[in-house]
Amino acid sequence: MWDYTDKVNDHFKHPRNVGKIENPDGTGEVGSLACGDALKLMFKLDGAGRIEEAKFQTFGCASAIASSSALTEMIIGKTLDEVEKITNKDIAAYLGGLPKQKVHCSVMGREALEAAIYNYRTGKTWNKELEGEVVCHCFGVTDKEIERVTRENNVQTLEALTNACKAGGGCGNCLPELQKIIDRVHGEQAASAAPEKKQLTNLQRIHLIEDVIDREIRPALRQDGGDLELIDVDGNTVKVRFRGACSGCVVSAITLKDVVEARLKDNVSENIRVEEVK
């Protein structure tokens, strides 16, 4: 027995807005009887462009019925621009949460809404294949849908993905490809979250180079009786002169590349090139 919230049970036992709309402005049908869940969502707009009426017909479990019922209540009175922002997480939150194995029911509601809006705007029937390539053939789930579900639900595992959209819940042949998509989405998110290096002015660049030399390089050289003098900065070329024990040292060329240039590349720019001035 699933642990449903009181609100899920209420919408399951007393679903709102069940039925059909004569001459609806938008209709979306998703799922299939073969998959165990199917949903048809219809809406009609008023003169101000707001959803005046919304109805649904569904075949599925308590979560599917409750999610569909909740969705109709959430969209009535709103514009299409407003309802386009509704995610499956919003539907689940409206119901006080869904069991993780039933998250796909809220995803189905979000897809039906997308399909109905597409139908209104184009006059055509929405098809999943319009948005990408089918990866899970057992349940007809596309790569784009998997990407969206992964992002919106922070999917980390194949099990969580199957719970969210059923992908991978059949024969399992698509599991390696599903894992690649999950990894790619999280890789893209990590890359976009990484702070970008600020473009430095030439003066800021020189000050940063001087700071790295003082903080990261000079103390190490002084331990062996040496020192380093900054002579000039020309674009990405940094000219320096060794002092003390480092001047004329047989390993100064190695120190120049493996210590001085390496530290400046790490802290200033990977394009830095260091030259020694005799």
Protein backbone atom coordinates (compact mmCIF):
# COMPACT_ATOMS: atom_id res chain seq x y z
CA MET A 1 0.00 0.00 0.00
CA TRP A 2 1.44 3.34 -1.05
CA ASP A 3 1.81 6.04 1.59
CA TYR A 4 -0.30 8.78 0.00
CA THR A 5 -0.89 12.22 1.51
CA ASP A 6 -4.39 13.27 2.49
CA LYS A 7 -4.50 15.59 -0.52
CA VAL A 8 -3.58 12.78 -2.93
CA ASN A 9 -6.30 10.59 -1.44
CA ASP A 10 -8.81 13.45 -1.70
CA HIS A 11 -8.06 14.12 -5.37
CA PHE A 12 -8.13 10.37 -6.10
CA LYS A 13 -11.45 9.74 -4.36
CA HIS A 14 -13.02 13.05 -5.39
CA PRO A 15 -11.29 14.07 -8.64
CA ARG A 16 -12.05 17.56 -9.95
CA ASN A 17 -12.84 18.46 -13.53
CA VAL A 18 -13.27 14.96 -14.93
CA GLY A 19 -14.85 14.76 -18.38
CA LYS A 20 -14.71 16.34 -21.82
CA ILE A 21 -14.92 19.86 -23.20
CA GLU A 22 -16.87 20.45 -26.37
CA ASN A 23 -14.66 22.18 -28.93
CA PRO A 24 -11.67 22.70 -26.64
CA ASP A 25 -9.00 25.23 -27.59
CA GLY A 26 -6.23 22.78 -26.74
CA THR A 27 -6.04 19.01 -26.30
CA GLY A 28 -3.10 16.89 -25.22
CA GLU A 29 -2.90 13.12 -25.03
CA VAL A 30 0.07 11.30 -23.51
CA GLY A 31 0.89 7.81 -22.29
CA SER A 32 -0.75 4.64 -23.51
CA LEU A 33 -2.84 1.82 -22.15
CA ALA A 34 0.03 -0.53 -22.95
CA CYS A 35 2.25 1.43 -20.54
CA GLY A 36 -0.41 1.36 -17.82
CA ASP A 37 -1.06 5.12 -17.76
CA ALA A 38 -2.82 7.40 -20.22
CA LEU A 39 -4.04 10.98 -19.89
CA LYS A 40 -6.08 13.32 -22.05
CA LEU A 41 -6.13 16.98 -20.99
CA MET A 42 -8.38 19.67 -22.52
CA PHE A 43 -8.70 23.38 -21.88
CA LYS A 44 -10.72 26.34 -23.08
CA LEU A 45 -9.63 29.99 -22.93
CA ASP A 46 -11.73 33.01 -22.05
CA GLY A 47 -11.66 36.35 -23.88
CA ALA A 48 -8.69 37.52 -21.83
CA GLY A 49 -6.57 34.53 -22.79
CA ARG A 50 -6.87 32.77 -19.44
CA ILE A 51 -7.83 29.12 -19.00
CA GLU A 52 -11.52 29.26 -18.21
CA GLU A 53 -12.16 25.53 -18.15
CA ALA A 54 -9.95 22.45 -17.93
CA LYS A 55 -11.00 18.81 -17.90
CA PHE A 56 -9.26 15.47 -18.06
CA GLN A 57 -9.76 11.80 -18.71
CA THR A 58 -7.22 9.35 -17.39
CA PHE A 59 -6.49 5.67 -17.08
CA GLY A 60 -4.06 4.83 -14.31
CA CYS A 61 -3.38 4.52 -10.62
CA ALA A 62 -4.41 6.77 -7.74
CA SER A 63 -1.37 9.00 -8.29
CA ALA A 64 -2.20 9.45 -11.98
CA ILE A 65 -5.78 10.44 -11.22
CA ALA A 66 -4.77 12.74 -8.36
CA SER A 67 -2.01 14.40 -10.41
CA SER A 68 -4.39 15.01 -13.31
CA SER A 69 -7.08 16.41 -11.01
CA ALA A 70 -4.57 18.68 -9.25
CA LEU A 71 -3.19 19.93 -12.56
CA THR A 72 -6.60 21.13 -13.74
CA GLU A 73 -7.06 23.12 -10.55
CA MET A 74 -3.58 24.59 -10.87
CA ILE A 75 -4.08 25.88 -14.41
CA ILE A 76 -7.64 27.26 -14.29
CA GLY A 77 -7.55 31.05 -14.21
CA LYS A 78 -3.99 31.33 -15.51
CA THR A 79 -2.55 32.37 -18.88
CA LEU A 80 -0.65 29.93 -21.07
CA ASP A 81 2.58 31.78 -20.34
CA GLU A 82 1.96 31.21 -16.64
CA VAL A 83 1.07 27.53 -16.88
CA GLU A 84 4.04 26.79 -19.15
CA LYS A 85 6.23 27.39 -16.09
CA ILE A 86 4.55 24.59 -14.12
CA THR A 87 6.86 21.59 -13.62
CA ASN A 88 6.07 18.08 -12.47
CA LYS A 89 7.67 19.01 -9.12
CA ASP A 90 5.07 21.77 -8.75
CA ILE A 91 2.28 19.23 -9.30
CA ALA A 92 3.76 16.84 -6.72
CA ALA A 93 4.26 19.71 -4.24
CA TYR A 94 0.63 20.81 -4.72
CA LEU A 95 -0.39 17.31 -3.62
CA GLY A 96 1.93 17.35 -0.62
CA GLY A 97 4.35 14.95 -2.29
CA LEU A 98 4.21 11.64 -4.14
CA PRO A 99 5.94 8.31 -3.46
CA LYS A 100 9.20 8.21 -5.43
CA GLN A 101 7.87 5.28 -7.48
CA LYS A 102 4.94 7.48 -8.59
CA VAL A 103 6.80 10.62 -9.66
CA HIS A 104 6.16 9.63 -13.30
CA CYS A 105 2.46 10.42 -12.79
CA SER A 106 3.24 14.09 -12.23
CA VAL A 107 5.59 13.99 -15.23
CA MET A 108 2.73 12.65 -17.33
CA GLY A 109 0.59 15.60 -16.23
CA ARG A 110 3.32 18.06 -17.23
CA GLU A 111 3.63 16.37 -20.64
CA ALA A 112 -0.13 16.48 -21.21
CA LEU A 113 -0.11 20.21 -20.49
CA GLU A 114 2.77 20.73 -22.92
CA ALA A 115 0.94 18.69 -25.57
CA ALA A 116 -2.30 20.67 -25.12
CA ILE A 117 -0.50 24.02 -25.43
CA TYR A 118 1.29 22.76 -28.54
CA ASN A 119 -2.05 21.71 -30.02
CA TYR A 120 -3.56 25.15 -29.33
CA ARG A 121 -0.65 27.03 -30.87
CA THR A 122 -0.12 24.85 -33.95
CA GLY A 123 -3.40 23.04 -34.52
CA LYS A 124 -1.38 19.82 -34.65
CA THR A 125 -1.21 16.78 -32.42
CA TRP A 126 1.87 16.68 -30.25
CA ASN A 127 4.16 13.71 -30.68
CA LYS A 128 7.05 12.91 -28.36
CA GLU A 129 9.28 12.25 -31.32
CA LEU A 130 8.95 15.91 -32.26
CA GLU A 131 11.21 16.77 -29.35
CA GLY A 132 13.95 14.20 -29.82
CA GLU A 133 15.01 10.64 -30.47
CA VAL A 134 13.31 7.75 -28.67
CA VAL A 135 15.81 6.09 -26.34
CA CYS A 136 13.52 3.84 -24.27
CA HIS A 137 11.39 2.03 -26.86
CA CYS A 138 9.43 0.06 -24.27
CA PHE A 139 7.83 3.27 -22.97
CA GLY A 140 8.54 5.66 -25.85
CA VAL A 141 10.73 8.07 -23.86
CA THR A 142 12.95 10.45 -25.84
CA ASP A 143 16.40 11.78 -25.06
CA LYS A 144 15.04 15.33 -24.63
CA GLU A 145 12.40 14.15 -22.15
CA ILE A 146 15.07 12.26 -20.18
CA GLU A 147 17.25 15.39 -20.10
CA ARG A 148 14.37 17.55 -18.86
CA VAL A 149 13.27 15.05 -16.21
CA THR A 150 16.87 14.67 -15.02
CA ARG A 151 17.29 18.44 -14.66
CA GLU A 152 13.91 19.20 -13.09
CA ASN A 153 14.04 16.33 -10.59
CA ASN A 154 17.80 16.26 -9.97
CA VAL A 155 17.87 12.61 -11.04
CA GLN A 156 21.11 10.95 -9.91
CA THR A 157 20.47 7.24 -10.54
CA LEU A 158 18.85 5.00 -13.12
CA GLU A 159 16.30 3.90 -10.52
CA ALA A 160 15.28 7.50 -9.89
CA LEU A 161 14.97 8.07 -13.63
CA THR A 162 12.71 5.03 -14.03
CA ASN A 163 10.55 6.27 -11.16
CA ALA A 164 10.30 9.69 -12.81
CA CYS A 165 9.44 8.72 -16.39
CA LYS A 166 9.51 4.89 -16.61
CA ALA A 167 12.54 4.96 -18.93
CA GLY A 168 14.55 1.79 -18.42
CA GLY A 169 11.72 -0.01 -16.68
CA GLY A 170 11.15 -2.54 -19.47
CA CYS A 171 13.71 -4.71 -21.23
CA GLY A 172 16.66 -2.70 -19.90
CA ASN A 173 18.51 -2.51 -23.22
CA CYS A 174 18.55 1.30 -23.01
CA LEU A 175 20.15 1.50 -19.55
CA PRO A 176 23.71 2.29 -20.78
CA GLU A 177 22.40 5.14 -22.96
CA LEU A 178 20.23 6.45 -20.11
CA GLN A 179 23.28 6.56 -17.83
CA LYS A 180 25.20 8.52 -20.47
CA ILE A 181 22.40 11.10 -20.64
CA ILE A 182 22.28 11.45 -16.84
CA ASP A 183 26.06 11.92 -16.73
CA ARG A 184 25.97 14.45 -19.58
CA VAL A 185 23.25 16.56 -17.95
CA HIS A 186 25.09 16.71 -14.64
CA GLY A 187 28.34 17.48 -16.45
CA GLU A 188 26.70 20.40 -18.25
CA GLN A 189 25.20 21.66 -14.99
CA ALA A 190 28.57 21.51 -13.25
CA ALA A 191 30.22 23.37 -16.12
CA SER A 192 27.58 26.11 -16.15
CA ALA A 193 27.83 26.51 -12.38
CA ALA A 194 31.62 26.97 -12.46
CA PRO A 195 32.58 30.61 -11.91
CA GLU A 196 33.97 32.33 -14.98
CA LYS A 197 37.35 33.99 -14.70
CA LYS A 198 37.00 37.73 -14.87
CA GLN A 199 38.84 39.50 -17.66
CA LEU A 200 41.68 41.45 -16.05
CA THR A 201 42.99 44.84 -17.09
CA ASN A 202 46.72 44.97 -17.83
CA LEU A 203 47.37 46.74 -14.53
CA GLN A 204 45.34 44.16 -12.60
CA ARG A 205 47.22 41.40 -14.40
CA ILE A 206 50.60 42.86 -13.39
CA HIS A 207 49.49 43.27 -9.77
CA LEU A 208 48.26 39.66 -9.71
CA ILE A 209 51.55 38.39 -11.15
CA GLU A 210 53.48 40.38 -8.51
CA ASP A 211 51.23 38.97 -5.79
CA VAL A 212 51.73 35.36 -6.97
CA ILE A 213 55.49 35.87 -7.09
CA ASP A 214 55.52 37.33 -3.56
CA ARG A 215 53.15 34.73 -2.11
CA GLU A 216 53.78 31.52 -4.05
CA ILE A 217 57.27 31.70 -5.59
CA ARG A 218 59.69 34.00 -3.74
CA PRO A 219 59.40 32.25 -0.32
CA ALA A 220 60.39 28.91 -1.90
CA LEU A 221 63.38 30.45 -3.69
CA ARG A 222 64.58 32.27 -0.60
CA GLN A 223 64.76 29.02 1.34
CA ASP A 224 67.68 28.09 -0.95
CA GLY A 225 69.25 31.55 -0.90
CA GLY A 226 67.71 32.71 -4.18
CA ASP A 227 65.24 35.34 -5.28
CA LEU A 228 63.27 36.53 -8.32
CA GLU A 229 62.78 39.95 -9.88
CA LEU A 230 59.88 40.83 -12.20
CA ILE A 231 61.32 42.72 -15.17
CA ASP A 232 58.42 43.16 -17.60
CA VAL A 233 54.99 41.88 -18.63
CA ASP A 234 54.22 41.90 -22.36
CA GLY A 235 50.81 40.35 -23.05
CA ASN A 236 51.13 36.70 -21.94
CA THR A 237 54.92 36.88 -21.74
CA VAL A 238 56.39 37.46 -18.28
CA LYS A 239 60.09 38.38 -18.11
CA VAL A 240 61.97 37.71 -14.89
CA ARG A 241 65.54 37.69 -13.58
CA PHE A 242 66.89 35.27 -10.99
CA ARG A 243 68.84 36.74 -8.07
CA GLY A 244 71.12 35.32 -5.40
CA ALA A 245 71.84 31.60 -5.44
CA CYS A 246 69.34 31.08 -8.29
CA SER A 247 71.34 33.31 -10.64
CA GLY A 248 73.44 31.04 -12.83
CA CYS A 249 72.19 27.90 -11.08
CA VAL A 250 72.40 24.79 -13.28
CA VAL A 251 68.73 23.95 -12.57
CA SER A 252 67.40 27.49 -13.09
CA ALA A 253 65.80 26.51 -16.41
CA ILE A 254 63.83 23.79 -14.63
CA THR A 255 62.87 26.18 -11.83
CA LEU A 256 61.73 28.69 -14.44
CA LYS A 257 59.27 26.26 -16.03
CA ASP A 258 58.29 23.90 -13.21
CA VAL A 259 57.98 26.50 -10.46
CA VAL A 260 57.67 30.05 -11.76
CA GLU A 261 55.70 29.42 -14.97
CA ALA A 262 53.61 26.62 -13.43
CA ARG A 263 52.50 28.79 -10.49
CA LEU A 264 51.63 31.72 -12.75
CA LYS A 265 49.63 29.45 -15.08
CA ASP A 266 47.65 28.09 -12.12
CA ASN A 267 46.96 31.47 -10.54
CA VAL A 268 46.86 33.97 -13.41
CA SER A 269 46.36 32.40 -16.84
CA GLU A 270 47.13 29.10 -18.53
CA ASN A 271 48.47 31.12 -21.47
CA ILE A 272 51.32 32.63 -19.44
CA ARG A 273 54.84 32.08 -20.80
CA VAL A 274 57.86 32.98 -18.65
CA GLU A 275 61.24 34.07 -20.04
CA GLU A 276 64.46 34.62 -18.10
CA VAL A 277 66.36 37.84 -18.63
CA LYS A 278 70.09 37.39 -18.01
